[in-house]
Amino acid sequence: MFHLLLWLLTPADSFLVSLDEAGLFRETNFTLFKTPAGYLLNSATEARAVLFDARGRIIGRYEEKGKGPKAFNIQYLMAVDEGGLHFCSDRRNLLSFDHHMQLQKSSPYPRLSADLAVRAGFGVLSKGRVILPLLGKDHLVTELEVHKGSWRKVRDHIPTEGLVLNPNTLILSERALIHGDTLFKARVGISRRDDRYEVMVYNEFMKDRDPNPSLALIGPVDDLPVGRGLRCMVYAVAAVPDGYIVELFTHMKKNSRSQRRHDYFDKQGRFLKRVERNSVRLLPVINGSETFLVTDKGDERVLQRME
């Protein structure tokens, strides 16, 4: 009932959906893609994908968990094209759906090595090739294709040069993230001089596969007890109309306490402010320019478009 009421009260140009009442996701580790019908929310660890229309109504879902040819099991590669929605599940099966989330076919796919899958986190299937944002030693992006029943590297993109952290910095975490046509390389490090994170911004990397970084977003972490049993990482980065938002996630191993902070930057990369947002998860659209938030409204957890 709450889900129906929420939808009826939502303006036609807005997007707001209750994740709890819809019986959707128990966690926040998912990715969001734009489709011709609306938006696709994918959770690889929960083996679930849900399709929403532009207002947030559920118009399709798939929850076949397992290791069979038609099952989801760690679906970490995604593609959205004119033909439909495509998932690579269990690193070996390709499941193709129409734009209403009806399964069309399942076919064997070459198994991607666990090393690549873990380092990539997720990837994008594009014109028969796989674009993986990796944290490789020398490059940020690896492009693969299927050749004679196995994966073959086509080329690497974006050398990991020009980093601005102190060479003596101890790196605590690294991530490669995508929002639309922008690639972010995020690192958190500590040194005797300072404790900070950096996010290198590469614009239009899907058009120019070897761009120079447009700018660097640099924020402090010296107000956190980094190095004292605290895990710290840049969890998400979004390009918004007036600049950038960086979501910083910290987790204290000793008491399992977690915190989220949002750092705001202007278009020139200048740090503006930090806001504690423990109940808010930043969710940029992987293949689009929009940004969504997973947040609490009363006792409900909702997914809404960031205005």
Protein backbone atom coordinates (compact mmCIF):
# COMPACT_ATOMS: atom_id res chain seq x y z
CA MET A 1 0.00 0.00 0.00
CA PHE A 2 2.78 2.44 0.89
CA HIS A 3 4.51 1.75 -2.42
CA LEU A 4 1.29 2.51 -4.36
CA LEU A 5 0.64 5.67 -2.33
CA LEU A 6 4.24 6.79 -2.82
CA TRP A 7 3.89 6.40 -6.57
CA LEU A 8 0.52 8.20 -6.72
CA LEU A 9 1.96 11.18 -4.82
CA THR A 10 5.10 11.37 -6.97
CA PRO A 11 5.08 14.09 -9.67
CA ALA A 12 5.14 12.78 -13.22
CA ASP A 13 8.67 14.09 -13.87
CA SER A 14 10.11 12.61 -10.66
CA PHE A 15 11.45 9.20 -9.73
CA LEU A 16 10.81 7.79 -6.26
CA VAL A 17 10.40 4.14 -5.26
CA SER A 18 10.34 2.29 -1.95
CA LEU A 19 12.99 -0.42 -2.00
CA ASP A 20 11.81 -1.96 1.27
CA GLU A 21 8.12 -2.44 0.50
CA ALA A 22 8.88 -3.63 -2.99
CA GLY A 23 10.90 -6.42 -1.34
CA LEU A 24 14.01 -5.44 -3.21
CA PHE A 25 17.52 -5.03 -1.92
CA ARG A 26 18.82 -5.80 1.55
CA GLU A 27 22.12 -4.06 0.88
CA THR A 28 23.44 -1.02 -0.97
CA ASN A 29 26.03 -2.68 -3.17
CA PHE A 30 24.34 -2.35 -6.54
CA THR A 31 24.68 -0.55 -9.85
CA LEU A 32 22.18 1.49 -11.86
CA PHE A 33 21.87 1.59 -15.66
CA LYS A 34 19.68 3.65 -17.97
CA THR A 35 17.53 1.68 -20.43
CA PRO A 36 15.01 2.65 -23.15
CA ALA A 37 12.20 1.72 -20.72
CA GLY A 38 13.62 3.50 -17.68
CA TYR A 39 16.29 2.27 -15.26
CA LEU A 40 17.78 -1.09 -14.34
CA LEU A 41 18.95 -1.70 -10.77
CA ASN A 42 21.35 -4.64 -10.59
CA SER A 43 22.67 -6.43 -7.51
CA ALA A 44 25.36 -8.96 -8.37
CA THR A 45 25.66 -10.33 -4.85
CA GLU A 46 21.91 -10.82 -4.42
CA ALA A 47 21.47 -12.28 -7.92
CA ARG A 48 18.67 -9.85 -8.70
CA ALA A 49 17.87 -7.21 -11.29
CA VAL A 50 14.80 -4.96 -11.34
CA LEU A 51 13.56 -2.76 -14.18
CA PHE A 52 11.74 0.50 -13.41
CA ASP A 53 9.95 2.92 -15.70
CA ALA A 54 10.74 6.64 -15.64
CA ARG A 55 8.53 7.22 -12.57
CA GLY A 56 9.81 4.29 -10.53
CA ARG A 57 7.15 1.67 -11.21
CA ILE A 58 8.48 -1.90 -11.38
CA ILE A 59 7.93 -3.18 -14.91
CA GLY A 60 10.22 -6.21 -14.86
CA ARG A 61 12.49 -8.25 -12.63
CA TYR A 62 14.63 -11.38 -12.67
CA GLU A 63 15.65 -13.35 -9.59
CA GLU A 64 16.69 -16.80 -10.78
CA LYS A 65 19.54 -17.49 -8.38
CA GLY A 66 21.87 -20.43 -8.92
CA LYS A 67 24.55 -21.76 -11.25
CA GLY A 68 22.41 -23.11 -14.05
CA PRO A 69 22.41 -21.76 -17.63
CA LYS A 70 19.46 -19.44 -16.90
CA ALA A 71 20.47 -18.40 -13.39
CA PHE A 72 22.08 -15.29 -11.94
CA ASN A 73 25.26 -15.79 -9.95
CA ILE A 74 27.48 -12.70 -9.55
CA GLN A 75 26.30 -10.95 -12.72
CA TYR A 76 29.07 -8.38 -12.97
CA LEU A 77 29.12 -7.45 -16.67
CA MET A 78 26.29 -5.43 -18.16
CA ALA A 79 25.22 -4.08 -21.51
CA VAL A 80 22.22 -2.04 -22.63
CA ASP A 81 21.70 -1.76 -26.36
CA GLU A 82 18.93 -1.66 -28.95
CA GLY A 83 18.60 -5.43 -28.77
CA GLY A 84 17.95 -5.56 -25.07
CA LEU A 85 19.64 -6.06 -21.70
CA HIS A 86 22.59 -8.41 -21.34
CA PHE A 87 24.25 -9.91 -18.26
CA CYS A 88 27.31 -12.10 -17.95
CA SER A 89 26.59 -14.40 -15.00
CA ASP A 90 29.01 -16.57 -13.04
CA ARG A 91 31.77 -15.43 -15.42
CA ARG A 92 30.55 -17.99 -17.98
CA ASN A 93 26.89 -17.52 -19.09
CA LEU A 94 25.47 -14.65 -21.14
CA LEU A 95 21.78 -13.97 -20.43
CA SER A 96 19.95 -11.69 -22.85
CA PHE A 97 16.60 -10.04 -22.05
CA ASP A 98 14.28 -7.80 -23.99
CA HIS A 99 13.59 -4.28 -22.73
CA HIS A 100 10.74 -5.61 -20.57
CA MET A 101 13.07 -7.97 -18.69
CA GLN A 102 11.82 -11.12 -20.41
CA LEU A 103 14.60 -13.68 -20.89
CA GLN A 104 15.27 -14.24 -24.60
CA LYS A 105 18.25 -16.56 -24.56
CA SER A 106 21.10 -17.92 -22.51
CA SER A 107 24.36 -18.93 -24.11
CA PRO A 108 27.79 -20.06 -22.91
CA TYR A 109 30.39 -17.33 -22.69
CA PRO A 110 34.14 -17.61 -22.16
CA ARG A 111 35.00 -17.60 -18.49
CA LEU A 112 36.68 -14.39 -17.38
CA SER A 113 39.52 -14.93 -14.96
CA ALA A 114 38.70 -14.35 -11.29
CA ASP A 115 41.58 -11.90 -11.08
CA LEU A 116 40.08 -9.63 -13.73
CA ALA A 117 36.55 -9.98 -12.37
CA VAL A 118 37.57 -9.05 -8.82
CA ARG A 119 39.73 -6.10 -9.84
CA ALA A 120 37.08 -4.79 -12.22
CA GLY A 121 34.13 -4.90 -9.83
CA PHE A 122 31.88 -4.41 -12.85
CA GLY A 123 32.33 -3.83 -16.54
CA VAL A 124 30.47 -2.67 -19.61
CA LEU A 125 29.83 -4.80 -22.68
CA SER A 126 30.14 -2.60 -25.76
CA LYS A 127 29.78 -3.77 -29.37
CA GLY A 128 30.96 -7.26 -28.57
CA ARG A 129 33.84 -6.09 -26.42
CA VAL A 130 34.23 -5.74 -22.68
CA ILE A 131 35.41 -2.48 -21.14
CA LEU A 132 36.80 -3.16 -17.66
CA PRO A 133 37.77 -0.31 -15.33
CA LEU A 134 40.68 -2.01 -13.59
CA LEU A 135 43.29 -1.10 -11.06
CA GLY A 136 46.13 -2.54 -13.07
CA LYS A 137 49.77 -1.70 -12.47
CA ASP A 138 50.18 0.36 -15.62
CA HIS A 139 46.69 1.15 -16.96
CA LEU A 140 43.21 1.99 -15.69
CA VAL A 141 41.09 0.35 -18.39
CA THR A 142 41.45 -2.94 -20.24
CA GLU A 143 39.49 -3.78 -23.38
CA LEU A 144 38.82 -7.44 -24.17
CA GLU A 145 37.06 -9.36 -26.92
CA VAL A 146 36.06 -12.96 -27.52
CA HIS A 147 38.37 -14.72 -29.96
CA LYS A 148 38.07 -18.42 -30.81
CA GLY A 149 36.16 -19.20 -27.66
CA SER A 150 38.34 -17.30 -25.21
CA TRP A 151 39.10 -13.77 -24.10
CA ARG A 152 41.76 -11.77 -25.89
CA LYS A 153 43.09 -8.39 -24.81
CA VAL A 154 42.54 -5.74 -27.47
CA ARG A 155 44.41 -2.94 -25.74
CA ASP A 156 44.93 -1.08 -22.49
CA HIS A 157 43.84 2.51 -21.93
CA ILE A 158 44.85 5.44 -19.74
CA PRO A 159 48.33 4.92 -18.30
CA THR A 160 48.51 5.37 -14.54
CA GLU A 161 50.81 8.37 -14.76
CA GLY A 162 50.59 11.91 -13.46
CA LEU A 163 49.29 10.96 -10.02
CA VAL A 164 49.52 13.78 -7.52
CA LEU A 165 49.90 11.94 -4.23
CA ASN A 166 53.24 12.16 -2.44
CA PRO A 167 55.52 9.34 -3.73
CA ASN A 168 56.05 8.27 -0.10
CA THR A 169 52.32 7.85 0.47
CA LEU A 170 50.99 4.55 1.79
CA ILE A 171 47.99 3.64 -0.39
CA LEU A 172 45.05 2.36 1.67
CA SER A 173 42.54 1.81 -1.12
CA GLU A 174 42.14 2.30 -4.86
CA ARG A 175 39.10 2.17 -7.13
CA ALA A 176 38.17 2.87 -10.74
CA LEU A 177 34.60 4.20 -11.15
CA ILE A 178 32.41 5.22 -14.08
CA HIS A 179 29.63 7.81 -14.34
CA GLY A 180 28.41 8.16 -17.90
CA ASP A 181 31.35 9.13 -20.09
CA THR A 182 33.59 10.05 -17.16
CA LEU A 183 36.11 7.73 -15.54
CA PHE A 184 37.36 8.38 -12.01
CA LYS A 185 40.48 6.90 -10.47
CA ALA A 186 40.25 7.21 -6.69
CA ARG A 187 42.98 6.57 -4.11
CA VAL A 188 43.18 7.08 -0.36
CA GLY A 189 46.65 7.43 1.15
CA ILE A 190 48.53 8.49 4.26
CA SER A 191 51.99 9.97 4.65
CA ARG A 192 54.01 11.99 7.12
CA ARG A 193 53.08 15.14 5.25
CA ASP A 194 49.33 14.67 5.03
CA ASP A 195 46.47 12.17 4.88
CA ARG A 196 44.18 12.67 1.92
CA TYR A 197 42.44 11.11 -1.02
CA GLU A 198 42.62 12.03 -4.67
CA VAL A 199 40.23 11.42 -7.52
CA MET A 200 41.63 11.82 -11.03
CA VAL A 201 38.88 12.83 -13.48
CA TYR A 202 39.00 11.59 -17.09
CA ASN A 203 36.24 13.09 -19.22
CA GLU A 204 34.87 11.42 -22.36
CA PHE A 205 37.05 8.35 -21.88
CA MET A 206 34.69 6.22 -24.01
CA LYS A 207 35.36 8.50 -27.00
CA ASP A 208 39.03 9.16 -26.36
CA ARG A 209 40.40 6.02 -24.75
CA ASP A 210 43.67 7.68 -23.72
CA PRO A 211 42.66 11.09 -22.39
CA ASN A 212 44.70 13.16 -20.00
CA PRO A 213 43.08 13.78 -16.61
CA SER A 214 40.91 16.91 -16.71
CA LEU A 215 41.50 17.68 -13.04
CA ALA A 216 42.10 16.14 -9.62
CA LEU A 217 39.66 16.22 -6.72
CA ILE A 218 41.61 16.21 -3.45
CA GLY A 219 40.01 15.91 -0.03
CA PRO A 220 41.36 15.47 3.51
CA VAL A 221 41.16 12.32 5.60
CA ASP A 222 43.29 13.64 8.48
CA ASP A 223 40.15 14.02 10.60
CA LEU A 224 39.73 10.22 10.51
CA PRO A 225 41.73 7.71 12.58
CA VAL A 226 43.23 6.23 9.41
CA GLY A 227 45.73 3.47 10.11
CA ARG A 228 44.17 2.56 13.46
CA GLY A 229 41.97 -0.27 12.32
CA LEU A 230 39.89 1.96 10.05
CA ARG A 231 39.11 1.03 6.47
CA CYS A 232 38.70 4.09 4.27
CA MET A 233 37.74 4.23 0.60
CA VAL A 234 36.12 6.42 -2.03
CA TYR A 235 32.86 4.54 -2.56
CA ALA A 236 31.29 6.59 -5.37
CA VAL A 237 31.88 9.72 -7.43
CA ALA A 238 29.22 11.65 -9.35
CA ALA A 239 29.56 14.42 -11.92
CA VAL A 240 26.71 16.85 -11.17
CA PRO A 241 25.76 20.10 -12.97
CA ASP A 242 27.61 22.36 -10.54
CA GLY A 243 30.65 20.16 -9.93
CA TYR A 244 31.37 16.79 -8.32
CA ILE A 245 30.32 14.77 -5.27
CA VAL A 246 32.64 12.22 -3.68
CA GLU A 247 31.24 9.64 -1.27
CA LEU A 248 33.83 8.64 1.33
CA PHE A 249 33.14 5.38 3.19
CA THR A 250 34.85 4.43 6.44
CA HIS A 251 34.53 1.26 8.47
CA MET A 252 36.02 0.64 11.92
CA LYS A 253 36.93 -3.03 12.26
CA LYS A 254 36.97 -2.94 16.05
CA ASN A 255 33.29 -2.08 16.52
CA SER A 256 32.01 -2.62 12.94
CA ARG A 257 30.88 1.00 12.82
CA SER A 258 30.55 2.53 9.37
CA GLN A 259 30.18 6.13 8.24
CA ARG A 260 29.53 7.88 4.95
CA ARG A 261 30.54 11.43 4.11
CA HIS A 262 29.83 13.42 0.97
CA ASP A 263 32.46 15.89 -0.18
CA TYR A 264 31.40 18.62 -2.61
CA PHE A 265 33.67 20.17 -5.26
CA ASP A 266 33.05 22.90 -7.83
CA LYS A 267 33.66 22.42 -11.58
CA GLN A 268 37.27 23.52 -11.20
CA GLY A 269 37.88 20.82 -8.59
CA ARG A 270 38.00 23.12 -5.56
CA PHE A 271 36.92 21.50 -2.29
CA LEU A 272 33.77 23.19 -0.93
CA LYS A 273 32.42 21.24 2.04
CA ARG A 274 31.99 17.89 3.75
CA VAL A 275 28.61 16.62 4.95
CA GLU A 276 28.00 13.48 7.01
CA ARG A 277 25.44 11.35 5.17
CA ASN A 278 25.25 8.02 7.00
CA SER A 279 21.75 7.23 5.71
CA VAL A 280 22.41 8.26 2.11
CA ARG A 281 24.07 6.24 -0.67
CA LEU A 282 25.25 8.01 -3.83
CA LEU A 283 24.31 6.04 -6.95
CA PRO A 284 25.48 7.49 -10.29
CA VAL A 285 24.02 6.00 -13.49
CA ILE A 286 26.77 3.94 -15.11
CA ASN A 287 25.79 4.71 -18.71
CA GLY A 288 24.07 8.08 -18.22
CA SER A 289 24.49 11.54 -16.74
CA GLU A 290 21.93 11.27 -13.93
CA THR A 291 22.63 10.65 -10.25
CA PHE A 292 20.33 8.87 -7.81
CA LEU A 293 20.29 8.57 -4.03
CA VAL A 294 19.37 5.65 -1.81
CA THR A 295 18.06 7.29 1.35
CA ASP A 296 15.59 6.94 4.21
CA LYS A 297 12.15 8.52 4.27
CA GLY A 298 10.64 7.75 7.63
CA ASP A 299 10.84 3.99 8.08
CA GLU A 300 11.23 3.33 4.37
CA ARG A 301 14.37 3.11 2.26
CA VAL A 302 13.82 4.73 -1.13
CA LEU A 303 15.59 5.25 -4.42
CA GLN A 304 15.15 8.76 -5.80
CA ARG A 305 16.58 10.90 -8.54
CA MET A 306 18.89 13.65 -7.34
CA GLU A 307 17.45 17.00 -8.41
